[in-house]
Each structure stands twice: as structure tokens, then as C-alpha cells.
């Protein structure tokens, strides 16, 4: 392998200075438990990240929790980015890459492919693919300049994988995928892993899966956001626009709810219920989000246009909140208020609801907040399994099932005594 060059391009820094910034970032990620292996630590200390993101200064390039957008569309939406070191380290650790492996990266930026090249060593192979020729041209140029010319850079729609270099010991999807197409597990070697940024019910998670004889089963997951995948795998959420665009409900996996049910829903009195369920300041929302998403078929996000806001919807976050809609024309969303828990500052979750039976829905959502707080708040979260589309319900574990174009995503939670009593049998699929 060619030794990486450390001082080229815009915003030059001395080799010693950039190495010091890299070392500082790695120590931060070791300190918070993200980096746990010598292999990932060494790779991140070696690869000159600043060479792959000349859009920012070399010092800024080594801020471990900062992603850098490298391409936007005409409306300013991100089309390509170099993910932050934190999420990249998490994915690399969970992928457990060792020398000699054959690895496919879906979504090119250059830097992560260079890290993969360090991990597989001279006896391994790395292929990175992207649908955008500007992205692959950039990745090819920067990989060559940084000394990683051995990486295969492929232009193409990764919905079909990259069969030319398959089978892969590891597949890392660094774009926000909505589904897992059949080509990805089909091109996975026996005993392989897929680590993917996956969108489920509008919630973004990085999930690592292992092959389990006909389906994929998760080994780790964490809440992260990614630029959405393009091409055949792109997906548009279903939007229900209300009050002349002031309020929009976003159903990521679609919905069978009749929009006419919600005509005039905000003309009904608002019901407010406080749950007694808390979250600490700085505490992650990941288990709460997914619990509500699995508890209610009508889970969605309520979005507020700030330019048209009249205050009819008042979530804690002024622009969006988790919400639930039902087939009786009721709508509820989450809000919070300052509170104290065990002597520490916290937030208490509450519910605002509208509709002909708003009190019932508000109490139902509040009760699920209590269940989450009692049984799952600081727990490991759910396990995810990916089955081929068309798999019968009786072959799936208990839990929520989210149906996608190519797959059925089963989401099951650890079975506490109260959870068993409350959850019962397999819940209806989310279409």
C-alpha cells in the first residue's frame, strides 16, 4: 500500500499537525466507547481525513461528530456527504473487518473506503459504488491522491449490488436506505455481515445484520442520520397536508388512512395529557421513538411550516414532533415540559390530541409512554430481522412487521412480564 500523503490540496496542514488532530479525535472516540479495537483506532489515526473534505479546514475535518456535505441539489438538500467520524467508527467496529476480507461500500465519499482499505490490508479488497458520476470521480481522484489507488471505484445503481466483485464478507451501506434489496444478501459470503443505514417508519438507524439461514438478524443498532439513497431504491414518504400547508403529517411507510377523516380535526378542542414518563437532558430518544413506532400503526411525524404557523400545533420542537393518527379521525402528538427526576433536570412527556375521541387516543399514547419508561427506557432496544417480501406471518417472530418493497422488517422487543401481557400476538403489518 502506498503511504498516504498528508499535506495536499486546499487548506494545507503539516503532517505533524494533521496527525495530532487525528489522534485527538480518535482519543475522543475511544473515551466515549465508540472505538474499542486497535484495528479501527489505527486506521483512523492513519487515514488523512482532511484530504477527502477540502470544503472545510483541516482542523475542522477532525471534529469527530461533524459530517460534511459535499454536494447539494438546487433546493439545498444534501445529495452526498462524508459522514462524521463517530458514525463511521461505530459501523466499522460493528462490521468487525479483518485483514484479507472482501468489502463492498455502498455510497462513496472516499474517506471511509480508505479506512476499509487499511482494515482489510494488502491481501483484502475494497469496492465502493455510487450512482452519481461526480461523486465517483471525486472519490477516485481523492483516493489516488491519498495513496489508496487499490480501491475499486464503481459507478452504478447499487440496488443490484456489484456482482463483479462478489461475494462480499462485509457490505457497508453509508446512504440512508429505505429497504434492503435482494441483491445485497445474495452477494454476501457465508457468515457475512451487512451494516446499513436503514430508515424504518421514518426513523434512521444504523443496523448491523448477520446472515441467519434465509433472513438477516441484527447484532447492533444506533440512531444516526444519513443522506437518502438515490436511484431505484429511492422512496418518497406519503404526506397529508393540512390547514393550507401549515401542518403536514408524514407517513414514511405509507398509510391506508383516508385523508378526509382529518378534515377540520384542529377545529375540535385540544386534549392535553401528561404521562409521568421522563427523559433526562442529553438522553437518547432512540428506544422511545421506535417503541411508539411499533406500538401504533398510525405512527407518523407532524411537521409545522414556520412561515405559516398559527400556533394550533405546539410541540416542544417548534417544527416537528412524533405523532399518531387513527382510523377514527383522531390525531395526537408528543410534547414535553421541564421537570425534575431524582433531583436532576429532565423533561416530562405529554400528549396533545384532537378529534372526535381525542381523550381516548391521548391516554393511549400516554400509556405507551409509561410502558416504555417502565420496561424499555434504558434497555438494549429491539431486535430487527429482515425477511424476504412474501414471507408468511406465521414464519415471523412476535412484534411489529413493517412491509417494504423487497422485504418484511420484523421489530421485536425483549419480553418483560408487562410487555408480554400488553403485546400479545404478532401485530398487524404496517403497509
Protein backbone atom coordinates (compact mmCIF):
# COMPACT_ATOMS: atom_id res chain seq x y z
CA UNK A 1 0.00 0.00 0.00
CA UNK A 2 1.24 3.46 -0.87
CA UNK A 3 1.90 5.57 2.19
CA UNK A 4 -0.87 8.23 2.47
CA UNK A 5 0.14 11.76 1.66
CA UNK A 6 -0.74 14.09 4.50
CA UNK A 7 -0.45 17.63 3.14
CA UNK A 8 -2.05 18.27 -0.22
CA UNK A 9 -4.98 20.24 -1.53
CA UNK A 10 -6.84 23.20 -0.09
CA UNK A 11 -6.14 24.26 3.45
CA UNK A 12 -2.76 22.57 3.81
CA UNK A 13 -1.55 21.45 7.21
CA UNK A 14 1.74 19.98 8.26
CA UNK A 15 1.91 16.23 8.63
CA UNK A 16 2.61 16.54 12.36
CA UNK A 17 -0.31 18.93 12.90
CA UNK A 18 -2.87 16.84 11.00
CA UNK A 19 -1.65 13.69 12.77
CA UNK A 20 -2.16 15.45 16.11
CA UNK A 21 -5.74 16.41 15.18
CA UNK A 22 -6.42 12.84 14.08
CA UNK A 23 -5.02 11.46 17.31
CA UNK A 24 -7.16 13.86 19.35
CA UNK A 25 -10.32 12.79 17.52
CA UNK A 26 -9.50 9.11 17.97
CA UNK A 27 -8.91 9.59 21.68
CA UNK A 28 -12.33 11.25 22.00
CA UNK A 29 -13.98 8.29 20.29
CA UNK A 30 -12.08 5.84 22.46
CA UNK A 31 -13.09 7.83 25.52
CA UNK A 32 -16.82 7.65 24.74
CA UNK A 33 -16.67 3.95 23.90
CA UNK A 34 -17.23 4.21 20.15
CA UNK A 35 -13.78 2.89 19.20
CA UNK A 36 -12.98 -0.32 21.06
CA UNK A 37 -10.49 -2.08 18.80
CA UNK A 38 -6.86 -1.37 18.00
CA UNK A 39 -7.57 -2.01 14.31
CA UNK A 40 -10.16 0.78 13.96
CA UNK A 41 -8.11 3.16 16.12
CA UNK A 42 -5.03 2.56 13.96
CA UNK A 43 -6.96 3.02 10.71
CA UNK A 44 -8.42 6.32 11.90
CA UNK A 45 -5.03 7.54 13.10
CA UNK A 46 -3.57 6.69 9.68
CA UNK A 47 -6.01 7.94 7.03
CA UNK A 48 -5.71 11.70 6.35
CA UNK A 49 -9.40 12.60 6.54
CA UNK A 50 -8.81 16.26 5.72
CA UNK A 51 -7.66 15.33 2.21
CA UNK A 52 -11.14 13.97 1.45
CA UNK A 53 -13.08 17.07 2.58
CA UNK A 54 -11.29 20.20 1.37
CA UNK A 55 -14.59 22.07 1.87
CA UNK A 56 -13.56 22.63 5.49
CA UNK A 57 -10.30 23.45 7.21
CA UNK A 58 -8.00 20.56 8.19
CA UNK A 59 -8.72 21.12 11.87
CA UNK A 60 -12.48 21.12 11.29
CA UNK A 61 -12.12 17.88 9.32
CA UNK A 62 -11.11 16.14 12.54
CA UNK A 63 -14.11 17.20 14.60
CA UNK A 64 -15.36 13.67 15.36
CA UNK A 65 -19.08 14.48 15.41
CA UNK A 66 -19.18 16.62 12.28
CA UNK A 67 -20.38 15.39 8.90
CA UNK A 68 -19.53 17.43 5.81
CA UNK A 69 -21.97 17.78 2.92
CA UNK A 70 -20.05 17.60 -0.36
CA UNK A 71 -22.93 18.01 -2.83
CA UNK A 72 -26.40 19.58 -2.70
CA UNK A 73 -29.30 19.82 -5.13
CA UNK A 74 -30.80 23.07 -6.41
CA UNK A 75 -33.00 23.35 -3.33
CA UNK A 76 -30.11 22.90 -0.92
CA UNK A 77 -30.87 19.29 0.03
CA UNK A 78 -27.81 17.13 0.70
CA UNK A 79 -27.05 14.60 -2.05
CA UNK A 80 -23.67 13.38 -0.86
CA UNK A 81 -21.59 13.77 2.26
CA UNK A 82 -18.66 12.47 4.22
CA UNK A 83 -20.17 11.07 7.42
CA UNK A 84 -18.79 12.07 10.79
CA UNK A 85 -16.00 10.01 12.33
CA UNK A 86 -18.32 8.89 15.13
CA UNK A 87 -20.77 7.02 12.91
CA UNK A 88 -18.01 5.67 10.69
CA UNK A 89 -16.18 4.27 13.70
CA UNK A 90 -19.40 2.70 15.00
CA UNK A 91 -20.10 0.98 11.68
CA UNK A 92 -16.53 -0.24 11.34
CA UNK A 93 -16.50 -1.66 14.85
CA UNK A 94 -19.78 -3.48 14.35
CA UNK A 95 -18.71 -4.80 10.95
CA UNK A 96 -15.67 -6.46 12.59
CA UNK A 97 -13.47 -6.29 9.50
CA UNK A 98 -10.23 -8.25 9.50
CA UNK A 99 -7.31 -8.43 7.03
CA UNK A 100 -7.96 -10.30 3.82
CA UNK A 101 -11.71 -9.58 3.65
CA UNK A 102 -13.60 -8.53 0.53
CA UNK A 103 -15.73 -5.48 1.40
CA UNK A 104 -18.37 -3.53 -0.54
CA UNK A 105 -19.21 0.04 0.40
CA UNK A 106 -22.47 1.47 -0.99
CA UNK A 107 -22.28 5.26 -1.11
CA UNK A 108 -18.92 6.75 -1.98
CA UNK A 109 -17.07 9.55 -0.29
CA UNK A 110 -13.51 8.29 -0.41
CA UNK A 111 -12.55 8.58 3.25
CA UNK A 112 -14.49 5.56 4.51
CA UNK A 113 -13.19 3.46 1.62
CA UNK A 114 -9.66 4.40 2.67
CA UNK A 115 -10.42 3.29 6.24
CA UNK A 116 -11.71 0.00 4.86
CA UNK A 117 -8.54 -0.40 2.81
CA UNK A 118 -6.48 -0.02 5.97
CA UNK A 119 -8.58 -2.64 7.75
CA UNK A 120 -8.51 -5.31 5.01
CA UNK A 121 -4.81 -4.74 4.33
CA UNK A 122 -2.92 -5.63 1.15
CA UNK A 123 -4.48 -9.10 0.99
CA UNK A 124 -8.05 -7.76 1.06
CA UNK A 125 -10.25 -5.94 -1.46
CA UNK A 126 -12.44 -2.86 -1.15
CA UNK A 127 -15.07 -1.79 -3.68
CA UNK A 128 -17.04 1.44 -3.34
CA UNK A 129 -20.07 2.21 -5.54
CA UNK A 130 -22.19 5.30 -6.11
CA UNK A 131 -24.87 6.29 -8.62
CA UNK A 132 -23.52 9.83 -9.12
CA UNK A 133 -20.57 10.20 -11.54
CA UNK A 134 -19.46 13.42 -9.83
CA UNK A 135 -19.22 11.51 -6.56
CA UNK A 136 -17.31 8.57 -8.00
CA UNK A 137 -14.97 10.86 -9.96
CA UNK A 138 -14.24 12.77 -6.79
CA UNK A 139 -13.74 9.60 -4.76
CA UNK A 140 -11.40 8.12 -7.38
CA UNK A 141 -9.30 11.28 -7.53
CA UNK A 142 -9.02 11.69 -3.77
CA UNK A 143 -8.29 8.03 -3.11
CA UNK A 144 -5.49 8.15 -5.67
CA UNK A 145 -4.05 11.34 -4.21
CA UNK A 146 -4.19 9.95 -0.67
CA UNK A 147 -2.44 6.73 -1.66
CA UNK A 148 -5.36 4.29 -1.92
CA UNK A 149 -5.43 3.59 -5.64
CA UNK A 150 -6.10 -0.11 -4.99
CA UNK A 151 -9.75 0.62 -4.04
CA UNK A 152 -12.24 -0.30 -6.80
CA UNK A 153 -14.50 2.68 -7.53
CA UNK A 154 -17.66 1.71 -9.42
CA UNK A 155 -20.31 3.94 -10.99
CA UNK A 156 -23.73 2.32 -10.78
CA UNK A 157 -27.06 1.91 -9.02
CA UNK A 158 -26.31 -0.26 -6.00
CA UNK A 159 -29.87 -1.62 -5.93
CA UNK A 160 -28.33 -4.51 -7.89
CA UNK A 161 -25.21 -4.61 -5.73
CA UNK A 162 -21.88 -5.04 -7.53
CA UNK A 163 -21.82 -8.65 -8.74
CA UNK A 164 -18.44 -8.28 -10.47
CA UNK A 165 -16.53 -8.48 -7.18
CA UNK A 166 -18.97 -10.60 -5.12
CA UNK A 167 -19.27 -12.44 -2.78
CA UNK A 168 -18.51 -9.95 -0.02
CA UNK A 169 -17.54 -10.69 3.54
CA UNK A 170 -18.94 -7.33 4.56
CA UNK A 171 -21.33 -4.83 2.95
CA UNK A 172 -21.45 -1.32 4.43
CA UNK A 173 -24.29 0.92 3.24
CA UNK A 174 -23.40 4.53 4.01
CA UNK A 175 -26.51 6.00 2.37
CA UNK A 176 -29.92 6.21 4.01
CA UNK A 177 -31.62 3.11 2.60
CA UNK A 178 -35.38 2.58 2.92
CA UNK A 179 -35.22 -1.10 2.00
CA UNK A 180 -32.75 -3.97 1.64
CA UNK A 181 -32.93 -5.24 -1.94
CA UNK A 182 -32.41 -8.98 -2.57
CA UNK A 183 -29.04 -8.41 -4.27
CA UNK A 184 -27.34 -7.36 -1.05
CA UNK A 185 -27.85 -10.54 0.99
CA UNK A 186 -27.47 -12.60 -2.20
CA UNK A 187 -23.96 -11.16 -2.71
CA UNK A 188 -22.98 -11.73 0.91
CA UNK A 189 -20.50 -14.51 1.62
CA UNK A 190 -21.42 -17.23 4.11
CA UNK A 191 -21.11 -15.81 7.61
CA UNK A 192 -21.03 -12.25 6.25
CA UNK A 193 -22.45 -9.06 7.72
CA UNK A 194 -24.37 -6.10 6.33
CA UNK A 195 -24.08 -2.81 8.21
CA UNK A 196 -26.58 -0.37 6.81
CA UNK A 197 -28.16 2.99 7.47
CA UNK A 198 -31.82 1.94 7.34
CA UNK A 199 -34.97 4.05 7.54
CA UNK A 200 -37.85 2.38 9.37
CA UNK A 201 -41.11 4.25 9.86
CA UNK A 202 -39.21 7.48 9.23
CA UNK A 203 -36.65 6.72 11.93
CA UNK A 204 -32.98 6.46 10.94
CA UNK A 205 -30.89 3.68 12.43
CA UNK A 206 -27.51 2.19 11.61
CA UNK A 207 -28.08 -1.55 12.00
CA UNK A 208 -25.60 -4.39 11.59
CA UNK A 209 -27.10 -7.69 10.39
CA UNK A 210 -25.77 -11.22 10.20
CA UNK A 211 -26.98 -13.90 7.82
CA UNK A 212 -29.26 -16.36 9.64
CA UNK A 213 -30.23 -19.01 7.06
CA UNK A 214 -32.75 -17.21 4.91
CA UNK A 215 -33.11 -13.98 6.81
CA UNK A 216 -30.94 -11.29 8.42
CA UNK A 217 -30.83 -10.71 12.16
CA UNK A 218 -29.49 -7.57 13.86
CA UNK A 219 -26.49 -7.64 16.17
CA UNK A 220 -26.30 -3.89 16.94
CA UNK A 221 -28.14 -0.67 16.16
CA UNK A 222 -27.77 3.02 16.86
CA UNK A 223 -29.60 6.21 15.91
CA UNK A 224 -27.86 8.13 13.11
CA UNK A 225 -29.00 10.14 10.08
CA UNK A 226 -27.74 9.73 6.50
CA UNK A 227 -28.28 11.23 3.06
CA UNK A 228 -31.10 9.31 1.36
CA UNK A 229 -30.27 6.69 -1.24
CA UNK A 230 -30.94 7.63 -4.87
CA UNK A 231 -31.93 5.56 -7.90
CA UNK A 232 -34.19 2.52 -7.89
CA UNK A 233 -34.06 2.30 -4.10
CA UNK A 234 -35.29 5.87 -3.52
CA UNK A 235 -38.52 6.19 -1.55
CA UNK A 236 -40.97 9.02 -1.03
CA UNK A 237 -42.99 9.30 2.15
CA UNK A 238 -46.74 9.90 1.97
CA UNK A 239 -47.66 13.43 3.02
CA UNK A 240 -51.02 14.60 4.31
CA UNK A 241 -51.10 18.40 4.02
CA UNK A 242 -53.48 20.22 6.35
CA UNK A 243 -54.56 23.79 7.08
CA UNK A 244 -53.27 25.15 3.74
CA UNK A 245 -49.80 23.79 4.36
CA UNK A 246 -49.36 24.92 7.94
CA UNK A 247 -49.35 21.33 9.23
CA UNK A 248 -48.24 18.19 7.40
CA UNK A 249 -48.38 14.58 8.52
CA UNK A 250 -45.56 12.43 7.11
CA UNK A 251 -46.10 8.68 6.92
CA UNK A 252 -42.78 7.20 5.87
CA UNK A 253 -44.08 3.72 5.01
CA UNK A 254 -47.36 4.90 3.55
CA UNK A 255 -50.80 4.74 5.16
CA UNK A 256 -54.27 3.48 4.37
CA UNK A 257 -55.87 6.28 6.40
CA UNK A 258 -58.44 8.32 4.47
CA UNK A 259 -57.30 11.99 4.45
CA UNK A 260 -60.94 13.13 4.61
CA UNK A 261 -61.12 11.73 8.16
CA UNK A 262 -58.95 14.62 9.34
CA UNK A 263 -60.82 17.48 7.72
CA UNK A 264 -61.41 20.02 10.46
CA UNK A 265 -59.64 17.94 13.11
CA UNK A 266 -57.98 21.07 14.51
CA UNK A 267 -61.39 22.69 14.98
CA UNK A 268 -62.04 20.30 17.87
CA UNK A 269 -60.88 21.14 21.40
CA UNK A 270 -57.32 20.15 22.23
CA UNK A 271 -56.93 17.47 24.88
CA UNK A 272 -53.75 17.53 26.98
CA UNK A 273 -52.47 14.55 28.99
CA UNK A 274 -49.20 14.32 30.90
CA UNK A 275 -47.69 10.85 31.17
CA UNK A 276 -45.34 10.92 34.13
CA UNK A 277 -42.69 9.48 31.79
CA UNK A 278 -39.41 11.38 31.75
CA UNK A 279 -36.25 11.65 29.74
CA UNK A 280 -33.01 13.12 31.01
CA UNK A 281 -31.32 16.05 29.32
CA UNK A 282 -28.93 14.60 26.75
CA UNK A 283 -30.51 11.15 26.92
CA UNK A 284 -31.01 9.41 23.57
CA UNK A 285 -34.52 9.15 22.14
CA UNK A 286 -33.85 6.02 20.11
CA UNK A 287 -35.80 3.48 22.16
CA UNK A 288 -38.70 5.88 22.76
CA UNK A 289 -39.05 6.64 19.07
CA UNK A 290 -39.01 3.02 17.98
CA UNK A 291 -41.33 1.91 20.79
CA UNK A 292 -44.03 4.34 19.67
CA UNK A 293 -43.42 3.42 16.04
CA UNK A 294 -44.04 -0.24 16.89
CA UNK A 295 -46.95 0.40 19.26
CA UNK A 296 -49.17 2.33 16.80
CA UNK A 297 -49.93 1.51 13.15
CA UNK A 298 -50.67 5.21 12.59
CA UNK A 299 -47.26 6.44 13.77
CA UNK A 300 -46.10 9.48 11.78
CA UNK A 301 -44.37 12.82 12.14
CA UNK A 302 -46.24 16.11 12.40
CA UNK A 303 -44.39 18.92 10.63
CA UNK A 304 -45.11 22.62 11.12
CA UNK A 305 -44.32 25.22 8.45
CA UNK A 306 -42.79 28.04 10.48
CA UNK A 307 -43.79 30.65 7.88
CA UNK A 308 -47.48 29.68 8.26
CA UNK A 309 -47.51 28.72 11.93
CA UNK A 310 -50.59 29.97 13.80
CA UNK A 311 -49.83 28.03 16.98
CA UNK A 312 -52.58 25.43 16.56
CA UNK A 313 -49.89 22.75 16.87
CA UNK A 314 -47.41 23.47 19.64
CA UNK A 315 -44.80 20.73 20.06
CA UNK A 316 -41.72 21.36 22.18
CA UNK A 317 -39.69 21.41 18.98
CA UNK A 318 -41.41 24.14 17.01
CA UNK A 319 -41.11 22.41 13.63
CA UNK A 320 -41.80 18.69 14.20
CA UNK A 321 -42.91 16.01 16.64
CA UNK A 322 -43.72 12.31 16.80
CA UNK A 323 -47.41 11.75 16.23
CA UNK A 324 -50.12 9.09 15.97
CA UNK A 325 -53.21 9.17 13.75
CA UNK A 326 -56.03 6.63 13.88
CA UNK A 327 -58.86 5.44 11.65
CA UNK A 328 -61.43 7.36 13.70
CA UNK A 329 -60.02 10.71 12.63
CA UNK A 330 -58.07 11.46 15.81
CA UNK A 331 -54.56 12.89 15.89
CA UNK A 332 -52.11 13.08 18.80
CA UNK A 333 -48.55 14.35 19.02
CA UNK A 334 -45.87 14.45 21.71
CA UNK A 335 -44.73 17.49 23.60
CA UNK A 336 -42.61 18.00 26.72
CA UNK A 337 -42.31 20.30 29.70
CA UNK A 338 -39.42 20.93 32.09
CA UNK A 339 -39.36 18.60 35.08
CA UNK A 340 -37.13 17.18 37.77
CA UNK A 341 -36.37 13.46 38.10
CA UNK A 342 -34.38 12.13 41.06
CA UNK A 343 -33.04 15.62 41.67
CA UNK A 344 -31.85 16.09 38.08
CA UNK A 345 -33.26 18.28 35.33
CA UNK A 346 -35.38 16.33 32.90
CA UNK A 347 -38.34 16.61 30.54
CA UNK A 348 -41.75 15.06 31.07
CA UNK A 349 -43.60 13.76 28.04
CA UNK A 350 -47.12 14.87 27.35
CA UNK A 351 -49.67 14.37 24.59
CA UNK A 352 -51.79 16.89 22.72
CA UNK A 353 -54.69 15.33 20.84
CA UNK A 354 -57.54 16.45 18.56
CA UNK A 355 -60.53 14.73 17.06
CA UNK A 356 -63.92 13.21 17.99
CA UNK A 357 -62.33 10.84 20.54
CA UNK A 358 -59.15 12.74 21.32
CA UNK A 359 -59.16 11.87 25.03
CA UNK A 360 -59.02 8.14 24.29
CA UNK A 361 -56.10 8.46 21.85
CA UNK A 362 -54.23 10.86 24.13
CA UNK A 363 -54.48 8.44 27.06
CA UNK A 364 -53.49 5.50 24.84
CA UNK A 365 -50.32 7.30 23.71
CA UNK A 366 -49.57 8.42 27.27
CA UNK A 367 -49.90 4.83 28.49
CA UNK A 368 -47.40 3.63 25.88
CA UNK A 369 -45.01 6.32 27.10
CA UNK A 370 -45.37 4.84 30.57
CA UNK A 371 -44.76 1.32 29.27
CA UNK A 372 -41.62 2.50 27.51
CA UNK A 373 -40.42 4.29 30.64
CA UNK A 374 -41.05 1.26 32.85
CA UNK A 375 -39.78 -1.53 30.60
CA UNK A 376 -37.50 -0.19 27.86
CA UNK A 377 -36.15 3.26 28.64
CA UNK A 378 -32.56 2.27 29.33
CA UNK A 379 -32.72 -1.18 27.78
CA UNK A 380 -30.99 -2.59 24.71
CA UNK A 381 -33.77 -1.70 22.29
CA UNK A 382 -35.45 -4.02 19.80
CA UNK A 383 -34.04 -6.71 17.57
CA UNK A 384 -34.55 -6.30 13.83
CA UNK A 385 -34.94 -9.14 11.36
CA UNK A 386 -35.15 -8.83 7.59
CA UNK A 387 -37.22 -11.43 5.74
CA UNK A 388 -37.93 -11.61 2.00
CA UNK A 389 -41.17 -9.98 0.88
CA UNK A 390 -43.97 -12.53 0.89
CA UNK A 391 -42.76 -14.40 3.97
CA UNK A 392 -45.93 -15.65 5.75
CA UNK A 393 -46.84 -14.13 9.09
CA UNK A 394 -46.57 -17.48 10.87
CA UNK A 395 -42.86 -17.60 9.99
CA UNK A 396 -42.17 -14.27 11.68
CA UNK A 397 -41.48 -13.63 15.38
CA UNK A 398 -43.87 -11.71 17.61
CA UNK A 399 -43.66 -7.96 17.20
CA UNK A 400 -44.37 -5.23 14.68
CA UNK A 401 -43.88 -6.01 10.99
CA UNK A 402 -43.12 -3.24 8.50
CA UNK A 403 -43.67 -4.24 4.89
CA UNK A 404 -41.38 -2.74 2.26
CA UNK A 405 -40.94 -3.38 -1.45
CA UNK A 406 -38.37 -6.18 -1.13
CA UNK A 407 -38.53 -7.15 2.50
CA UNK A 408 -40.51 -7.57 5.68
CA UNK A 409 -38.86 -5.93 8.67
CA UNK A 410 -39.71 -7.61 11.96
CA UNK A 411 -39.16 -5.48 15.07
CA UNK A 412 -39.36 -7.39 18.36
CA UNK A 413 -38.66 -6.19 21.88
CA UNK A 414 -37.27 -8.03 24.92
CA UNK A 415 -40.20 -9.73 26.59
CA UNK A 416 -40.66 -8.42 30.12
CA UNK A 417 -43.64 -9.65 32.08
CA UNK A 418 -45.62 -6.47 31.46
CA UNK A 419 -44.62 -6.43 27.79
CA UNK A 420 -45.88 -9.97 27.30
CA UNK A 421 -49.19 -9.06 28.89
CA UNK A 422 -49.57 -5.94 26.78
CA UNK A 423 -48.24 -7.03 23.40
CA UNK A 424 -49.76 -10.45 22.84
CA UNK A 425 -49.54 -11.93 19.36
CA UNK A 426 -47.94 -10.66 16.18
CA UNK A 427 -49.13 -7.12 15.49
CA UNK A 428 -50.67 -6.25 12.12
CA UNK A 429 -48.18 -5.38 9.37
CA UNK A 430 -47.53 -1.73 8.57
CA UNK A 431 -48.17 -1.24 4.87
